[in-house]
Amino acid sequence: MSYPQQSLAEGFTGAEFATWSEASQNSYIETSVTMAGVVFTQTHLGKASCVNDWYFADDAWKTRNSDIRDAIAAYRDAHPSGVILALIIRECGALD
């Protein structure tokens, strides 16, 4: 069986993310937050609502993207998705 994309985080870091255009960064962030919310609808329903409110309510994404970019820059050696998940957990609570 083969997969179209490797499921490895190795090699992709916040440092590489920082080289992308702001539009590409915004797209990556929105897609990551959206997918976390979709997964949480199946595993942690209350967290899904929190993610939605935190990122999408009242166009919060307009300021959240900048905050998320700053956090990714602060942890430039980490995978951006891990940083995004950490921010979601900080805002919405642990995944228990």
N, C-alpha and C. Protein backbone atom coordinates (compact mmCIF):
# COMPACT_ATOMS: atom_id res chain seq x y z
N MET A 1 0.84 -1.17 0.00
CA MET A 1 0.00 0.00 0.00
C MET A 1 0.89 1.24 0.00
N SER A 2 0.56 2.20 -0.78
CA SER A 2 1.33 3.45 -0.81
C SER A 2 0.41 4.61 -0.46
N TYR A 3 1.03 5.67 0.03
CA TYR A 3 0.29 6.86 0.44
C TYR A 3 0.78 8.04 -0.38
N PRO A 4 -0.11 8.98 -0.70
CA PRO A 4 0.28 10.11 -1.53
C PRO A 4 1.17 11.12 -0.81
N GLN A 5 1.19 11.07 0.52
CA GLN A 5 1.99 12.02 1.29
C GLN A 5 2.55 11.29 2.50
N GLN A 6 3.81 11.51 2.78
CA GLN A 6 4.38 10.92 3.98
C GLN A 6 3.78 11.57 5.21
N SER A 7 3.60 10.78 6.24
CA SER A 7 3.04 11.30 7.49
C SER A 7 4.15 11.61 8.48
N LEU A 8 5.18 12.24 8.01
CA LEU A 8 6.31 12.57 8.85
C LEU A 8 6.40 14.07 9.06
N ALA A 9 6.72 14.46 10.27
CA ALA A 9 6.89 15.88 10.57
C ALA A 9 8.34 16.30 10.38
N GLU A 10 9.22 15.34 10.28
CA GLU A 10 10.65 15.63 10.19
C GLU A 10 10.95 16.57 9.03
N GLY A 11 11.70 17.60 9.33
CA GLY A 11 12.14 18.50 8.28
C GLY A 11 11.29 19.75 8.11
N PHE A 12 10.06 19.71 8.53
CA PHE A 12 9.21 20.90 8.39
C PHE A 12 9.14 21.59 9.75
N THR A 13 9.61 22.81 9.80
CA THR A 13 9.66 23.55 11.06
C THR A 13 9.08 24.95 10.89
N GLY A 14 8.98 25.64 12.00
CA GLY A 14 8.55 27.03 11.96
C GLY A 14 9.49 27.90 11.16
N ALA A 15 10.77 27.53 11.14
CA ALA A 15 11.74 28.30 10.35
C ALA A 15 11.39 28.23 8.87
N GLU A 16 11.02 27.06 8.39
CA GLU A 16 10.61 26.94 6.98
C GLU A 16 9.28 27.64 6.74
N PHE A 17 8.35 27.46 7.67
CA PHE A 17 7.04 28.11 7.59
C PHE A 17 7.21 29.63 7.43
N ALA A 18 8.18 30.20 8.13
CA ALA A 18 8.42 31.65 8.09
C ALA A 18 8.83 32.14 6.71
N THR A 19 9.31 31.25 5.85
CA THR A 19 9.73 31.66 4.51
C THR A 19 8.55 31.75 3.55
N TRP A 20 7.41 31.23 3.95
CA TRP A 20 6.22 31.27 3.09
C TRP A 20 5.61 32.66 3.07
N SER A 21 4.84 32.94 2.05
CA SER A 21 4.11 34.21 2.00
C SER A 21 3.07 34.24 3.11
N GLU A 22 2.64 35.42 3.49
CA GLU A 22 1.62 35.54 4.53
C GLU A 22 0.33 34.85 4.11
N ALA A 23 -0.03 34.94 2.86
CA ALA A 23 -1.25 34.28 2.38
C ALA A 23 -1.13 32.76 2.53
N SER A 24 0.03 32.21 2.22
CA SER A 24 0.23 30.76 2.38
C SER A 24 0.21 30.37 3.85
N GLN A 25 0.82 31.19 4.69
CA GLN A 25 0.79 30.92 6.13
C GLN A 25 -0.65 30.95 6.65
N ASN A 26 -1.41 31.94 6.24
CA ASN A 26 -2.81 32.05 6.67
C ASN A 26 -3.60 30.83 6.23
N SER A 27 -3.37 30.38 5.02
CA SER A 27 -4.08 29.20 4.52
C SER A 27 -3.72 27.97 5.34
N TYR A 28 -2.45 27.80 5.63
CA TYR A 28 -2.00 26.65 6.44
C TYR A 28 -2.64 26.71 7.83
N ILE A 29 -2.62 27.87 8.45
CA ILE A 29 -3.19 28.03 9.79
C ILE A 29 -4.67 27.72 9.78
N GLU A 30 -5.40 28.32 8.83
CA GLU A 30 -6.85 28.09 8.78
C GLU A 30 -7.17 26.63 8.53
N THR A 31 -6.43 25.99 7.63
CA THR A 31 -6.66 24.58 7.35
C THR A 31 -6.37 23.73 8.59
N SER A 32 -5.29 24.04 9.29
CA SER A 32 -4.93 23.28 10.49
C SER A 32 -5.98 23.43 11.58
N VAL A 33 -6.43 24.65 11.82
CA VAL A 33 -7.44 24.88 12.86
C VAL A 33 -8.75 24.22 12.46
N THR A 34 -9.12 24.33 11.20
CA THR A 34 -10.35 23.71 10.71
C THR A 34 -10.30 22.20 10.90
N MET A 35 -9.19 21.60 10.52
CA MET A 35 -9.08 20.14 10.65
C MET A 35 -9.10 19.71 12.11
N ALA A 36 -8.47 20.47 13.00
CA ALA A 36 -8.54 20.15 14.42
C ALA A 36 -9.99 20.19 14.88
N GLY A 37 -10.71 21.20 14.46
CA GLY A 37 -12.13 21.30 14.81
C GLY A 37 -12.94 20.13 14.29
N VAL A 38 -12.67 19.71 13.06
CA VAL A 38 -13.39 18.57 12.47
C VAL A 38 -13.09 17.29 13.26
N VAL A 39 -11.84 17.06 13.58
CA VAL A 39 -11.48 15.88 14.37
C VAL A 39 -12.18 15.93 15.73
N PHE A 40 -12.18 17.09 16.35
CA PHE A 40 -12.79 17.21 17.67
C PHE A 40 -14.30 16.98 17.63
N THR A 41 -14.96 17.22 16.49
CA THR A 41 -16.39 16.92 16.42
C THR A 41 -16.64 15.44 16.62
N GLN A 42 -15.64 14.62 16.35
CA GLN A 42 -15.78 13.17 16.51
C GLN A 42 -15.19 12.65 17.82
N THR A 43 -14.29 13.42 18.42
CA THR A 43 -13.58 12.91 19.60
C THR A 43 -13.79 13.73 20.86
N HIS A 44 -13.97 15.02 20.74
CA HIS A 44 -14.11 15.94 21.89
C HIS A 44 -15.07 17.06 21.49
N LEU A 45 -16.35 16.76 21.48
CA LEU A 45 -17.34 17.68 20.92
C LEU A 45 -17.27 19.08 21.53
N GLY A 46 -17.11 19.17 22.84
CA GLY A 46 -17.02 20.47 23.48
C GLY A 46 -15.82 21.27 23.00
N LYS A 47 -14.73 20.57 22.72
CA LYS A 47 -13.53 21.24 22.22
C LYS A 47 -13.78 21.79 20.82
N ALA A 48 -14.56 21.10 20.03
CA ALA A 48 -14.87 21.57 18.67
C ALA A 48 -15.56 22.92 18.73
N SER A 49 -16.50 23.06 19.63
CA SER A 49 -17.20 24.35 19.79
C SER A 49 -16.23 25.43 20.26
N CYS A 50 -15.35 25.07 21.17
CA CYS A 50 -14.37 26.04 21.67
C CYS A 50 -13.45 26.50 20.55
N VAL A 51 -12.96 25.55 19.75
CA VAL A 51 -12.07 25.91 18.63
C VAL A 51 -12.80 26.83 17.68
N ASN A 52 -14.02 26.50 17.37
CA ASN A 52 -14.81 27.33 16.46
C ASN A 52 -14.97 28.74 17.01
N ASP A 53 -15.32 28.84 18.27
CA ASP A 53 -15.49 30.16 18.89
C ASP A 53 -14.18 30.92 18.96
N TRP A 54 -13.11 30.23 19.34
CA TRP A 54 -11.80 30.87 19.50
C TRP A 54 -11.27 31.43 18.18
N TYR A 55 -11.43 30.66 17.10
CA TYR A 55 -10.81 31.05 15.84
C TYR A 55 -11.75 31.77 14.88
N PHE A 56 -12.99 31.32 14.80
CA PHE A 56 -13.87 31.81 13.74
C PHE A 56 -14.90 32.84 14.19
N ALA A 57 -15.33 32.81 15.44
CA ALA A 57 -16.41 33.72 15.88
C ALA A 57 -15.98 35.17 15.72
N ASP A 58 -16.87 35.97 15.21
CA ASP A 58 -16.65 37.42 15.07
C ASP A 58 -15.35 37.74 14.33
N ASP A 59 -15.02 36.92 13.34
CA ASP A 59 -13.80 37.12 12.53
C ASP A 59 -12.53 37.17 13.38
N ALA A 60 -12.52 36.38 14.47
CA ALA A 60 -11.35 36.33 15.35
C ALA A 60 -10.09 35.92 14.60
N TRP A 61 -10.24 35.15 13.53
CA TRP A 61 -9.09 34.67 12.78
C TRP A 61 -8.20 35.82 12.30
N LYS A 62 -8.79 36.98 12.13
CA LYS A 62 -8.01 38.12 11.62
C LYS A 62 -6.88 38.48 12.58
N THR A 63 -7.13 38.37 13.87
CA THR A 63 -6.06 38.63 14.85
C THR A 63 -5.37 37.34 15.27
N ARG A 64 -6.08 36.23 15.26
CA ARG A 64 -5.49 34.95 15.67
C ARG A 64 -4.32 34.56 14.77
N ASN A 65 -4.46 34.78 13.46
CA ASN A 65 -3.38 34.38 12.56
C ASN A 65 -2.06 35.04 12.92
N SER A 66 -2.11 36.31 13.28
CA SER A 66 -0.89 37.01 13.68
C SER A 66 -0.33 36.42 14.97
N ASP A 67 -1.20 36.15 15.93
CA ASP A 67 -0.77 35.54 17.19
C ASP A 67 -0.16 34.16 16.95
N ILE A 68 -0.78 33.39 16.08
CA ILE A 68 -0.29 32.05 15.78
C ILE A 68 1.05 32.13 15.07
N ARG A 69 1.18 33.05 14.11
CA ARG A 69 2.48 33.23 13.43
C ARG A 69 3.57 33.58 14.44
N ASP A 70 3.27 34.45 15.40
CA ASP A 70 4.24 34.82 16.42
C ASP A 70 4.66 33.61 17.25
N ALA A 71 3.70 32.77 17.61
CA ALA A 71 4.02 31.57 18.40
C ALA A 71 4.87 30.60 17.59
N ILE A 72 4.55 30.43 16.32
CA ILE A 72 5.34 29.54 15.46
C ILE A 72 6.76 30.08 15.35
N ALA A 73 6.91 31.38 15.24
CA ALA A 73 8.25 31.99 15.17
C ALA A 73 9.02 31.78 16.47
N ALA A 74 8.31 31.83 17.59
CA ALA A 74 8.96 31.64 18.89
C ALA A 74 9.46 30.20 19.06
N TYR A 75 8.79 29.27 18.41
CA TYR A 75 9.17 27.85 18.46
C TYR A 75 9.57 27.39 17.07
N ARG A 76 10.48 28.09 16.48
CA ARG A 76 10.86 27.91 15.07
C ARG A 76 11.42 26.53 14.75
N ASP A 77 11.87 25.79 15.77
CA ASP A 77 12.39 24.44 15.53
C ASP A 77 11.30 23.37 15.64
N ALA A 78 10.11 23.76 16.02
CA ALA A 78 8.99 22.83 16.16
C ALA A 78 8.15 22.82 14.89
N HIS A 79 7.38 21.75 14.72
CA HIS A 79 6.45 21.67 13.59
C HIS A 79 5.31 22.66 13.83
N PRO A 80 4.95 23.47 12.84
CA PRO A 80 3.87 24.45 13.03
C PRO A 80 2.55 23.85 13.51
N SER A 81 2.22 22.66 13.07
CA SER A 81 0.96 22.05 13.52
C SER A 81 0.99 21.75 15.01
N GLY A 82 2.14 21.37 15.53
CA GLY A 82 2.27 21.14 16.96
C GLY A 82 2.08 22.42 17.75
N VAL A 83 2.60 23.51 17.24
CA VAL A 83 2.43 24.80 17.90
C VAL A 83 0.95 25.21 17.87
N ILE A 84 0.31 25.02 16.74
CA ILE A 84 -1.11 25.36 16.62
C ILE A 84 -1.93 24.52 17.60
N LEU A 85 -1.64 23.22 17.68
CA LEU A 85 -2.37 22.36 18.62
C LEU A 85 -2.13 22.81 20.06
N ALA A 86 -0.90 23.18 20.39
CA ALA A 86 -0.60 23.66 21.75
C ALA A 86 -1.42 24.91 22.07
N LEU A 87 -1.57 25.80 21.11
CA LEU A 87 -2.38 27.01 21.33
C LEU A 87 -3.85 26.66 21.53
N ILE A 88 -4.34 25.70 20.77
CA ILE A 88 -5.72 25.26 20.92
C ILE A 88 -5.92 24.66 22.31
N ILE A 89 -4.99 23.82 22.75
CA ILE A 89 -5.10 23.20 24.07
C ILE A 89 -5.03 24.26 25.16
N ARG A 90 -4.15 25.24 24.99
CA ARG A 90 -4.07 26.33 25.97
C ARG A 90 -5.41 27.06 26.08
N GLU A 91 -6.06 27.28 24.94
CA GLU A 91 -7.32 28.02 24.92
C GLU A 91 -8.51 27.15 25.35
N CYS A 92 -8.54 25.91 24.91
CA CYS A 92 -9.73 25.08 25.08
C CYS A 92 -9.58 23.95 26.10
N GLY A 93 -8.41 23.79 26.66
CA GLY A 93 -8.21 22.77 27.68
C GLY A 93 -7.59 21.50 27.13
N ALA A 94 -7.10 20.71 28.07
CA ALA A 94 -6.41 19.45 27.73
C ALA A 94 -7.34 18.48 27.02
N LEU A 95 -6.75 17.64 26.23
CA LEU A 95 -7.51 16.59 25.52
C LEU A 95 -7.45 15.33 26.37
N ASP A 96 -8.48 15.12 27.17
CA ASP A 96 -8.48 13.95 28.03
C ASP A 96 -9.46 12.91 27.59
